[in-house]
PDB file of N, CA and C in Angstrom:
ATOM      1  N   UNK A   1     167.319 -20.941  48.718  1.00  0.00           N
ATOM      2  CA  UNK A   1     166.737 -19.766  49.231  1.00  0.00           C
ATOM      3  C   UNK A   1     167.700 -18.652  49.203  1.00  0.00           C
ATOM      4  N   UNK A   2     167.130 -17.468  49.103  1.00  0.00           N
ATOM      5  CA  UNK A   2     167.917 -16.281  48.962  1.00  0.00           C
ATOM      6  C   UNK A   2     168.472 -15.845  50.363  1.00  0.00           C
ATOM      7  N   UNK A   3     169.421 -15.015  50.318  1.00  0.00           N
ATOM      8  CA  UNK A   3     169.974 -14.532  51.632  1.00  0.00           C
ATOM      9  C   UNK A   3     168.899 -13.567  52.306  1.00  0.00           C
ATOM     10  N   UNK A   4     168.024 -13.055  51.470  1.00  0.00           N
ATOM     11  CA  UNK A   4     167.076 -12.069  51.968  1.00  0.00           C
ATOM     12  C   UNK A   4     166.068 -12.772  52.822  1.00  0.00           C
ATOM     13  N   UNK A   5     165.698 -13.965  52.679  1.00  0.00           N
ATOM     14  CA  UNK A   5     164.701 -14.637  53.334  1.00  0.00           C
ATOM     15  C   UNK A   5     165.158 -14.847  54.811  1.00  0.00           C
ATOM     16  N   UNK A   6     166.372 -14.967  54.960  1.00  0.00           N
ATOM     17  CA  UNK A   6     166.922 -15.216  56.394  1.00  0.00           C
ATOM     18  C   UNK A   6     166.990 -13.909  57.158  1.00  0.00           C
ATOM     19  N   UNK A   7     167.113 -12.705  56.464  1.00  0.00           N
ATOM     20  CA  UNK A   7     167.236 -11.404  57.153  1.00  0.00           C
ATOM     21  C   UNK A   7     165.925 -10.975  57.632  1.00  0.00           C
ATOM     22  N   UNK A   8     164.849 -11.242  57.019  1.00  0.00           N
ATOM     23  CA  UNK A   8     163.520 -10.646  57.365  1.00  0.00           C
ATOM     24  C   UNK A   8     163.104 -11.096  58.786  1.00  0.00           C
ATOM     25  N   UNK A   9     163.105 -12.393  59.125  1.00  0.00           N
ATOM     26  CA  UNK A   9     162.709 -12.785  60.551  1.00  0.00           C
ATOM     27  C   UNK A   9     163.579 -12.058  61.551  1.00  0.00           C
ATOM     28  N   UNK A  10     164.917 -12.021  61.293  1.00  0.00           N
ATOM     29  CA  UNK A  10     165.835 -11.460  62.176  1.00  0.00           C
ATOM     30  C   UNK A  10     165.577  -9.902  62.372  1.00  0.00           C
ATOM     31  N   UNK A  11     165.233  -9.174  61.308  1.00  0.00           N
ATOM     32  CA  UNK A  11     164.769  -7.805  61.382  1.00  0.00           C
ATOM     33  C   UNK A  11     163.629  -7.544  62.161  1.00  0.00           C
ATOM     34  N   UNK A  12     162.620  -8.458  61.956  1.00  0.00           N
ATOM     35  CA  UNK A  12     161.343  -8.348  62.681  1.00  0.00           C
ATOM     36  C   UNK A  12     161.644  -8.575  64.213  1.00  0.00           C
ATOM     37  N   UNK A  13     162.376  -9.557  64.526  1.00  0.00           N
ATOM     38  CA  UNK A  13     162.722  -9.868  65.963  1.00  0.00           C
ATOM     39  C   UNK A  13     163.457  -8.672  66.597  1.00  0.00           C
ATOM     40  N   UNK A  14     164.370  -8.115  65.853  1.00  0.00           N
ATOM     41  CA  UNK A  14     165.178  -6.950  66.304  1.00  0.00           C
ATOM     42  C   UNK A  14     164.261  -5.736  66.512  1.00  0.00           C
ATOM     43  N   UNK A  15     163.403  -5.492  65.621  1.00  0.00           N
ATOM     44  CA  UNK A  15     162.380  -4.460  65.816  1.00  0.00           C
ATOM     45  C   UNK A  15     161.587  -4.573  66.960  1.00  0.00           C
ATOM     46  N   UNK A  16     161.073  -5.756  67.196  1.00  0.00           N
ATOM     47  CA  UNK A  16     160.261  -6.189  68.301  1.00  0.00           C
ATOM     48  C   UNK A  16     161.054  -5.857  69.706  1.00  0.00           C
ATOM     49  N   UNK A  17     162.245  -6.327  69.663  1.00  0.00           N
ATOM     50  CA  UNK A  17     163.145  -6.255  70.848  1.00  0.00           C
ATOM     51  C   UNK A  17     163.397  -4.757  71.246  1.00  0.00           C
ATOM     52  N   UNK A  18     163.693  -4.053  70.167  1.00  0.00           N
ATOM     53  CA  UNK A  18     164.047  -2.638  70.339  1.00  0.00           C
ATOM     54  C   UNK A  18     162.767  -1.879  70.727  1.00  0.00           C
ATOM     55  N   UNK A  19     161.598  -2.191  70.277  1.00  0.00           N
ATOM     56  CA  UNK A  19     160.384  -1.601  70.672  1.00  0.00           C
ATOM     57  C   UNK A  19     160.010  -1.909  72.097  1.00  0.00           C
ATOM     58  N   UNK A  20     160.263  -3.123  72.515  1.00  0.00           N
ATOM     59  CA  UNK A  20     160.055  -3.566  73.897  1.00  0.00           C
ATOM     60  C   UNK A  20     160.912  -2.812  74.866  1.00  0.00           C
ATOM     61  N   UNK A  21     162.140  -2.772  74.523  1.00  0.00           N
ATOM     62  CA  UNK A  21     163.150  -1.988  75.325  1.00  0.00           C
ATOM     63  C   UNK A  21     162.803  -0.472  75.391  1.00  0.00           C
ATOM     64  N   UNK A  22     162.360  -0.034  74.301  1.00  0.00           N
ATOM     65  CA  UNK A  22     161.974   1.405  74.192  1.00  0.00           C
ATOM     66  C   UNK A  22     160.815   1.734  75.150  1.00  0.00           C
ATOM     67  N   UNK A  23     159.817   0.918  75.183  1.00  0.00           N
ATOM     68  CA  UNK A  23     158.679   1.059  75.982  1.00  0.00           C
ATOM     69  C   UNK A  23     159.132   1.072  77.538  1.00  0.00           C
ATOM     70  N   UNK A  24     160.030   0.085  77.849  1.00  0.00           N
ATOM     71  CA  UNK A  24     160.536   0.042  79.198  1.00  0.00           C
ATOM     72  C   UNK A  24     161.184   1.345  79.636  1.00  0.00           C
ATOM     73  N   UNK A  25     162.178   1.768  78.629  1.00  0.00           N
ATOM     74  CA  UNK A  25     162.871   2.915  79.025  1.00  0.00           C
ATOM     75  C   UNK A  25     161.927   4.177  79.129  1.00  0.00           C
ATOM     76  N   UNK A  26     160.957   4.254  78.272  1.00  0.00           N
ATOM     77  CA  UNK A  26     160.104   5.435  78.196  1.00  0.00           C
ATOM     78  C   UNK A  26     159.138   5.407  79.490  1.00  0.00           C
ATOM     79  N   UNK A  27     158.833   4.312  80.033  1.00  0.00           N
ATOM     80  CA  UNK A  27     158.011   4.300  81.208  1.00  0.00           C
ATOM     81  C   UNK A  27     158.786   4.162  82.466  1.00  0.00           C
ATOM     82  N   UNK A  28     160.015   4.415  82.554  1.00  0.00           N
ATOM     83  CA  UNK A  28     160.867   4.329  83.734  1.00  0.00           C
ATOM     84  C   UNK A  28     160.663   5.489  84.583  1.00  0.00           C
ATOM     85  N   UNK A  29     161.011   5.389  85.888  1.00  0.00           N
ATOM     86  CA  UNK A  29     160.928   6.573  86.796  1.00  0.00           C
ATOM     87  C   UNK A  29     161.711   7.774  86.327  1.00  0.00           C
ATOM     88  N   UNK A  30     162.924   7.553  85.860  1.00  0.00           N
ATOM     89  CA  UNK A  30     163.747   8.603  85.339  1.00  0.00           C
ATOM     90  C   UNK A  30     163.152   9.390  84.238  1.00  0.00           C
ATOM     91  N   UNK A  31     162.506   8.573  83.319  1.00  0.00           N
ATOM     92  CA  UNK A  31     161.843   9.196  82.119  1.00  0.00           C
ATOM     93  C   UNK A  31     160.672  10.041  82.577  1.00  0.00           C
ATOM     94  N   UNK A  32     159.918   9.580  83.488  1.00  0.00           N
ATOM     95  CA  UNK A  32     158.717  10.256  84.003  1.00  0.00           C
ATOM     96  C   UNK A  32     159.121  11.578  84.673  1.00  0.00           C
ATOM     97  N   UNK A  33     160.314  11.485  85.443  1.00  0.00           N
ATOM     98  CA  UNK A  33     160.762  12.693  85.992  1.00  0.00           C
ATOM     99  C   UNK A  33     161.132  13.761  84.997  1.00  0.00           C
ATOM    100  N   UNK A  34     161.786  13.194  83.940  1.00  0.00           N
ATOM    101  CA  UNK A  34     162.241  14.070  82.787  1.00  0.00           C
ATOM    102  C   UNK A  34     160.846  14.752  82.181  1.00  0.00           C
ATOM    103  N   UNK A  35     159.905  13.948  81.958  1.00  0.00           N
ATOM    104  CA  UNK A  35     158.583  14.446  81.347  1.00  0.00           C
ATOM    105  C   UNK A  35     158.100  15.478  82.309  1.00  0.00           C
ATOM    106  N   UNK A  36     158.097  15.324  83.629  1.00  0.00           N
ATOM    107  CA  UNK A  36     157.530  16.201  84.555  1.00  0.00           C
ATOM    108  C   UNK A  36     158.252  17.513  84.440  1.00  0.00           C
ATOM    109  N   UNK A  37     159.618  17.514  84.442  1.00  0.00           N
ATOM    110  CA  UNK A  37     160.393  18.772  84.306  1.00  0.00           C
ATOM    111  C   UNK A  37     160.127  19.470  83.027  1.00  0.00           C
ATOM    112  N   UNK A  38     159.949  18.686  81.887  1.00  0.00           N
ATOM    113  CA  UNK A  38     159.666  19.286  80.607  1.00  0.00           C
ATOM    114  C   UNK A  38     158.295  19.960  80.664  1.00  0.00           C
ATOM    115  N   UNK A  39     157.369  19.285  81.279  1.00  0.00           N
ATOM    116  CA  UNK A  39     155.981  19.906  81.439  1.00  0.00           C
ATOM    117  C   UNK A  39     155.944  21.202  82.261  1.00  0.00           C
ATOM    118  N   UNK A  40     156.765  21.144  83.366  1.00  0.00           N
ATOM    119  CA  UNK A  40     156.796  22.311  84.165  1.00  0.00           C
ATOM    120  C   UNK A  40     157.506  23.451  83.488  1.00  0.00           C
ATOM    121  N   UNK A  41     158.470  23.229  82.657  1.00  0.00           N
ATOM    122  CA  UNK A  41     159.105  24.241  81.878  1.00  0.00           C
ATOM    123  C   UNK A  41     158.109  24.800  80.856  1.00  0.00           C
ATOM    124  N   UNK A  42     157.388  23.918  80.292  1.00  0.00           N
ATOM    125  CA  UNK A  42     156.282  24.349  79.344  1.00  0.00           C
ATOM    126  C   UNK A  42     155.286  25.248  79.915  1.00  0.00           C
ATOM    127  N   UNK A  43     154.955  24.978  81.203  1.00  0.00           N
ATOM    128  CA  UNK A  43     153.858  25.795  81.905  1.00  0.00           C
ATOM    129  C   UNK A  43     154.554  27.119  82.199  1.00  0.00           C
ATOM    130  N   UNK A  44     155.827  27.049  82.616  1.00  0.00           N
ATOM    131  CA  UNK A  44     156.391  28.445  82.915  1.00  0.00           C
ATOM    132  C   UNK A  44     156.471  29.260  81.625  1.00  0.00           C
ATOM    133  N   UNK A  45     156.837  28.665  80.539  1.00  0.00           N
ATOM    134  CA  UNK A  45     156.876  29.364  79.202  1.00  0.00           C
ATOM    135  C   UNK A  45     155.473  29.881  78.882  1.00  0.00           C
ATOM    136  N   UNK A  46     154.455  29.087  79.110  1.00  0.00           N
ATOM    137  CA  UNK A  46     153.075  29.548  78.801  1.00  0.00           C
ATOM    138  C   UNK A  46     152.721  30.830  79.593  1.00  0.00           C
ATOM    139  N   UNK A  47     153.041  30.785  80.968  1.00  0.00           N
ATOM    140  CA  UNK A  47     152.863  31.908  81.769  1.00  0.00           C
ATOM    141  C   UNK A  47     153.534  33.177  81.292  1.00  0.00           C
ATOM    142  N   UNK A  48     154.751  32.975  80.907  1.00  0.00           N
ATOM    143  CA  UNK A  48     155.603  34.175  80.352  1.00  0.00           C
ATOM    144  C   UNK A  48     154.833  34.756  79.068  1.00  0.00           C
ATOM    145  N   UNK A  49     154.462  33.739  78.213  1.00  0.00           N
ATOM    146  CA  UNK A  49     153.789  34.359  76.983  1.00  0.00           C
ATOM    147  C   UNK A  49     152.477  35.027  77.245  1.00  0.00           C
ATOM    148  N   UNK A  50     151.776  34.518  78.222  1.00  0.00           N
ATOM    149  CA  UNK A  50     150.441  35.015  78.567  1.00  0.00           C
ATOM    150  C   UNK A  50     150.645  36.378  79.174  1.00  0.00           C
ATOM    151  N   UNK A  51     151.698  36.620  79.952  1.00  0.00           N
ATOM    152  CA  UNK A  51     151.959  37.941  80.585  1.00  0.00           C
ATOM    153  C   UNK A  51     152.248  38.944  79.429  1.00  0.00           C
ATOM    154  N   UNK A  52     153.001  38.478  78.420  1.00  0.00           N
ATOM    155  CA  UNK A  52     153.262  39.497  77.350  1.00  0.00           C
ATOM    156  C   UNK A  52     152.046  39.660  76.598  1.00  0.00           C
ATOM    157  N   UNK A  53     151.178  38.639  76.351  1.00  0.00           N
ATOM    158  CA  UNK A  53     149.989  38.853  75.621  1.00  0.00           C
ATOM    159  C   UNK A  53     149.107  39.826  76.414  1.00  0.00           C
ATOM    160  N   UNK A  54     148.927  39.732  77.674  1.00  0.00           N
ATOM    161  CA  UNK A  54     148.154  40.525  78.468  1.00  0.00           C
ATOM    162  C   UNK A  54     148.587  42.065  78.404  1.00  0.00           C
ATOM    163  N   UNK A  55     149.952  42.245  78.407  1.00  0.00           N
ATOM    164  CA  UNK A  55     150.477  43.692  78.241  1.00  0.00           C
ATOM    165  C   UNK A  55     150.170  44.213  76.912  1.00  0.00           C
ATOM    166  N   UNK A  56     150.343  43.365  75.773  1.00  0.00           N
ATOM    167  CA  UNK A  56     150.009  43.922  74.431  1.00  0.00           C
ATOM    168  C   UNK A  56     148.484  44.127  74.365  1.00  0.00           C
ATOM    169  N   UNK A  57     147.711  43.334  74.895  1.00  0.00           N
ATOM    170  CA  UNK A  57     146.199  43.460  74.834  1.00  0.00           C
ATOM    171  C   UNK A  57     145.784  44.731  75.512  1.00  0.00           C
ATOM    172  N   UNK A  58     146.363  45.001  76.722  1.00  0.00           N
ATOM    173  CA  UNK A  58     146.057  46.227  77.450  1.00  0.00           C
ATOM    174  C   UNK A  58     146.495  47.493  76.588  1.00  0.00           C
ATOM    175  N   UNK A  59     147.579  47.443  75.979  1.00  0.00           N
ATOM    176  CA  UNK A  59     148.070  48.523  75.133  1.00  0.00           C
ATOM    177  C   UNK A  59     147.164  48.760  73.921  1.00  0.00           C
ATOM    178  N   UNK A  60     146.759  47.626  73.288  1.00  0.00           N
ATOM    179  CA  UNK A  60     145.827  47.688  72.085  1.00  0.00           C
ATOM    180  C   UNK A  60     144.495  48.306  72.525  1.00  0.00           C
ATOM    181  N   UNK A  61     144.003  47.856  73.784  1.00  0.00           N
ATOM    182  CA  UNK A  61     142.727  48.498  74.202  1.00  0.00           C
ATOM    183  C   UNK A  61     142.842  49.959  74.409  1.00  0.00           C
ATOM    184  N   UNK A  62     143.992  50.459  75.037  1.00  0.00           N
ATOM    185  CA  UNK A  62     144.198  51.811  75.229  1.00  0.00           C
ATOM    186  C   UNK A  62     144.159  52.576  73.897  1.00  0.00           C
ATOM    187  N   UNK A  63     144.940  52.017  72.985  1.00  0.00           N
ATOM    188  CA  UNK A  63     145.019  52.656  71.633  1.00  0.00           C
ATOM    189  C   UNK A  63     143.567  52.693  70.941  1.00  0.00           C
ATOM    190  N   UNK A  64     142.807  51.679  71.072  1.00  0.00           N
ATOM    191  CA  UNK A  64     141.448  51.679  70.551  1.00  0.00           C
ATOM    192  C   UNK A  64     140.623  52.625  71.150  1.00  0.00           C
ATOM    193  N   UNK A  65     140.632  52.839  72.428  1.00  0.00           N
ATOM    194  CA  UNK A  65     139.838  53.801  73.162  1.00  0.00           C
ATOM    195  C   UNK A  65     140.213  55.238  72.714  1.00  0.00           C
ATOM    196  N   UNK A  66     141.555  55.460  72.594  1.00  0.00           N
ATOM    197  CA  UNK A  66     142.092  56.835  72.202  1.00  0.00           C
ATOM    198  C   UNK A  66     141.528  57.089  70.766  1.00  0.00           C
ATOM    199  N   UNK A  67     141.685  56.121  70.008  1.00  0.00           N
ATOM    200  CA  UNK A  67     141.245  56.307  68.572  1.00  0.00           C
ATOM    201  C   UNK A  67     139.767  56.636  68.471  1.00  0.00           C
ATOM    202  N   UNK A  68     138.868  56.010  69.373  1.00  0.00           N
ATOM    203  CA  UNK A  68     137.504  56.384  69.356  1.00  0.00           C
ATOM    204  C   UNK A  68     137.315  57.770  69.844  1.00  0.00           C
ATOM    205  N   UNK A  69     138.009  58.233  70.843  1.00  0.00           N
ATOM    206  CA  UNK A  69     137.900  59.645  71.287  1.00  0.00           C
ATOM    207  C   UNK A  69     138.299  60.564  70.186  1.00  0.00           C
ATOM    208  N   UNK A  70     139.408  60.351  69.533  1.00  0.00           N
ATOM    209  CA  UNK A  70     139.832  61.205  68.423  1.00  0.00           C
ATOM    210  C   UNK A  70     138.771  61.312  67.390  1.00  0.00           C
ATOM    211  N   UNK A  71     138.138  60.171  66.963  1.00  0.00           N
ATOM    212  CA  UNK A  71     137.069  60.172  65.936  1.00  0.00           C
ATOM    213  C   UNK A  71     135.805  60.945  66.397  1.00  0.00           C
ATOM    214  N   UNK A  72     135.450  60.799  67.661  1.00  0.00           N
ATOM    215  CA  UNK A  72     134.320  61.535  68.268  1.00  0.00           C
ATOM    216  C   UNK A  72     134.601  63.028  68.161  1.00  0.00           C
ATOM    217  N   UNK A  73     135.786  63.464  68.562  1.00  0.00           N
ATOM    218  CA  UNK A  73     136.210  64.869  68.455  1.00  0.00           C
ATOM    219  C   UNK A  73     136.125  65.344  67.052  1.00  0.00           C
ATOM    220  N   UNK A  74     136.644  64.579  66.092  1.00  0.00           N
ATOM    221  CA  UNK A  74     136.630  64.946  64.650  1.00  0.00           C
ATOM    222  C   UNK A  74     135.205  65.107  64.176  1.00  0.00           C
ATOM    223  N   UNK A  75     134.397  64.104  64.563  1.00  0.00           N
ATOM    224  CA  UNK A  75     132.978  64.166  64.189  1.00  0.00           C
ATOM    225  C   UNK A  75     132.337  65.342  64.710  1.00  0.00           C
ATOM    226  N   UNK A  76     132.543  65.784  65.930  1.00  0.00           N
ATOM    227  CA  UNK A  76     132.040  66.945  66.533  1.00  0.00           C
ATOM    228  C   UNK A  76     132.459  68.242  65.848  1.00  0.00           C
ATOM    229  N   UNK A  77     133.690  68.273  65.489  1.00  0.00           N
ATOM    230  CA  UNK A  77     134.279  69.474  64.790  1.00  0.00           C
ATOM    231  C   UNK A  77     133.674  69.544  63.412  1.00  0.00           C
ATOM    232  N   UNK A  78     133.467  68.363  62.727  1.00  0.00           N
ATOM    233  CA  UNK A  78     132.746  68.387  61.424  1.00  0.00           C
ATOM    234  C   UNK A  78     131.359  68.929  61.474  1.00  0.00           C
ATOM    235  N   UNK A  79     130.682  68.577  62.523  1.00  0.00           N
ATOM    236  CA  UNK A  79     129.272  68.995  62.777  1.00  0.00           C
ATOM    237  C   UNK A  79     129.302  70.554  63.013  1.00  0.00           C
ATOM    238  N   UNK A  80     130.186  70.978  63.811  1.00  0.00           N
ATOM    239  CA  UNK A  80     130.244  72.431  64.048  1.00  0.00           C
ATOM    240  C   UNK A  80     130.667  73.187  62.783  1.00  0.00           C
ATOM    241  N   UNK A  81     131.595  72.569  61.910  1.00  0.00           N
ATOM    242  CA  UNK A  81     131.944  73.363  60.676  1.00  0.00           C
ATOM    243  C   UNK A  81     130.733  73.286  59.742  1.00  0.00           C
ATOM    244  N   UNK A  82     130.015  72.289  59.703  1.00  0.00           N
ATOM    245  CA  UNK A  82     128.821  72.178  58.756  1.00  0.00           C
ATOM    246  C   UNK A  82     127.862  73.183  59.275  1.00  0.00           C
ATOM    247  N   UNK A  83     127.614  73.267  60.585  1.00  0.00           N
ATOM    248  CA  UNK A  83     126.567  74.245  61.008  1.00  0.00           C
ATOM    249  C   UNK A  83     127.093  75.679  60.778  1.00  0.00           C
ATOM    250  N   UNK A  84     128.339  75.889  60.941  1.00  0.00           N
ATOM    251  CA  UNK A  84     128.889  77.284  60.614  1.00  0.00           C
ATOM    252  C   UNK A  84     128.710  77.682  59.145  1.00  0.00           C
ATOM    253  N   UNK A  85     128.953  76.626  58.302  1.00  0.00           N
ATOM    254  CA  UNK A  85     128.755  76.934  56.918  1.00  0.00           C
ATOM    255  C   UNK A  85     127.250  77.204  56.548  1.00  0.00           C
ATOM    256  N   UNK A  86     126.444  76.373  57.239  1.00  0.00           N
ATOM    257  CA  UNK A  86     125.045  76.580  56.965  1.00  0.00           C
ATOM    258  C   UNK A  86     124.561  77.925  57.444  1.00  0.00           C
ATOM    259  N   UNK A  87     125.099  78.380  58.452  1.00  0.00           N
ATOM    260  CA  UNK A  87     124.839  79.758  59.086  1.00  0.00           C
ATOM    261  C   UNK A  87     125.241  80.802  58.068  1.00  0.00           C
ATOM    262  N   UNK A  88     126.483  80.605  57.603  1.00  0.00           N
ATOM    263  CA  UNK A  88     127.130  81.541  56.588  1.00  0.00           C
ATOM    264  C   UNK A  88     126.288  81.624  55.314  1.00  0.00           C
ATOM    265  N   UNK A  89     125.864  80.457  54.766  1.00  0.00           N
ATOM    266  CA  UNK A  89     124.991  80.379  53.655  1.00  0.00           C
ATOM    267  C   UNK A  89     123.675  81.084  53.774  1.00  0.00           C
ATOM    268  N   UNK A  90     123.067  80.837  54.935  1.00  0.00           N
ATOM    269  CA  UNK A  90     121.865  81.476  55.283  1.00  0.00           C
ATOM    270  C   UNK A  90     122.002  82.959  55.363  1.00  0.00           C
ATOM    271  N   UNK A  91     123.037  83.472  56.002  1.00  0.00           N
ATOM    272  CA  UNK A  91     123.252  84.876  56.141  1.00  0.00           C
ATOM    273  C   UNK A  91     123.482  85.526  54.757  1.00  0.00           C
ATOM    274  N   UNK A  92     124.148  84.803  53.926  1.00  0.00           N
ATOM    275  CA  UNK A  92     124.366  85.420  52.489  1.00  0.00           C
ATOM    276  C   UNK A  92     123.043  85.475  51.659  1.00  0.00           C
ATOM    277  N   UNK A  93     122.192  84.562  51.898  1.00  0.00           N
ATOM    278  CA  UNK A  93     120.925  84.554  51.197  1.00  0.00           C
ATOM    279  C   UNK A  93     120.081  85.647  51.734  1.00  0.00           C
ATOM    280  N   UNK A  94     120.114  85.944  53.009  1.00  0.00           N
ATOM    281  CA  UNK A  94     119.351  86.994  53.656  1.00  0.00           C
ATOM    282  C   UNK A  94     119.896  88.352  53.174  1.00  0.00           C
ATOM    283  N   UNK A  95     121.167  88.493  53.140  1.00  0.00           N
ATOM    284  CA  UNK A  95     121.723  89.713  52.725  1.00  0.00           C
ATOM    285  C   UNK A  95     121.611  89.963  51.083  1.00  0.00           C
ATOM    286  N   UNK A  96     121.530  88.854  50.443  1.00  0.00           N
ATOM    287  CA  UNK A  96     121.438  89.083  49.006  1.00  0.00           C
ATOM    288  C   UNK A  96     120.158  89.536  48.500  1.00  0.00           C
TER     289      UNK A  96
END
C-alpha cells in the first residue's frame, strides 16, 4: 500500500474533530455574546445610515419642488411672451 492510503482516514478524522470542536466553540455563551454585540453594532450602523438617507431625501425633495416652481414660472413667462408677440403681430396687420 501507498503512504497516501494511510493519510486519508486520518485527514477525514481530523476534519471531523475540527468541525465538531468548531460547532462547540461557535455555539458557546461567549460566542453568542459576541454575535449579540456585533448585531447591535450593525443596528446602530443601520440607524446612522438611515438618518443620512433621510436628510439626503429631504434635500432632494426640496430641490425637486424648487425645480417644479422654476419650470412653472418659465412656462408662464413663455405664455406671456407668446401672447405679447401675438398682440404685436395683430397690431402690425391692422396698421398695415
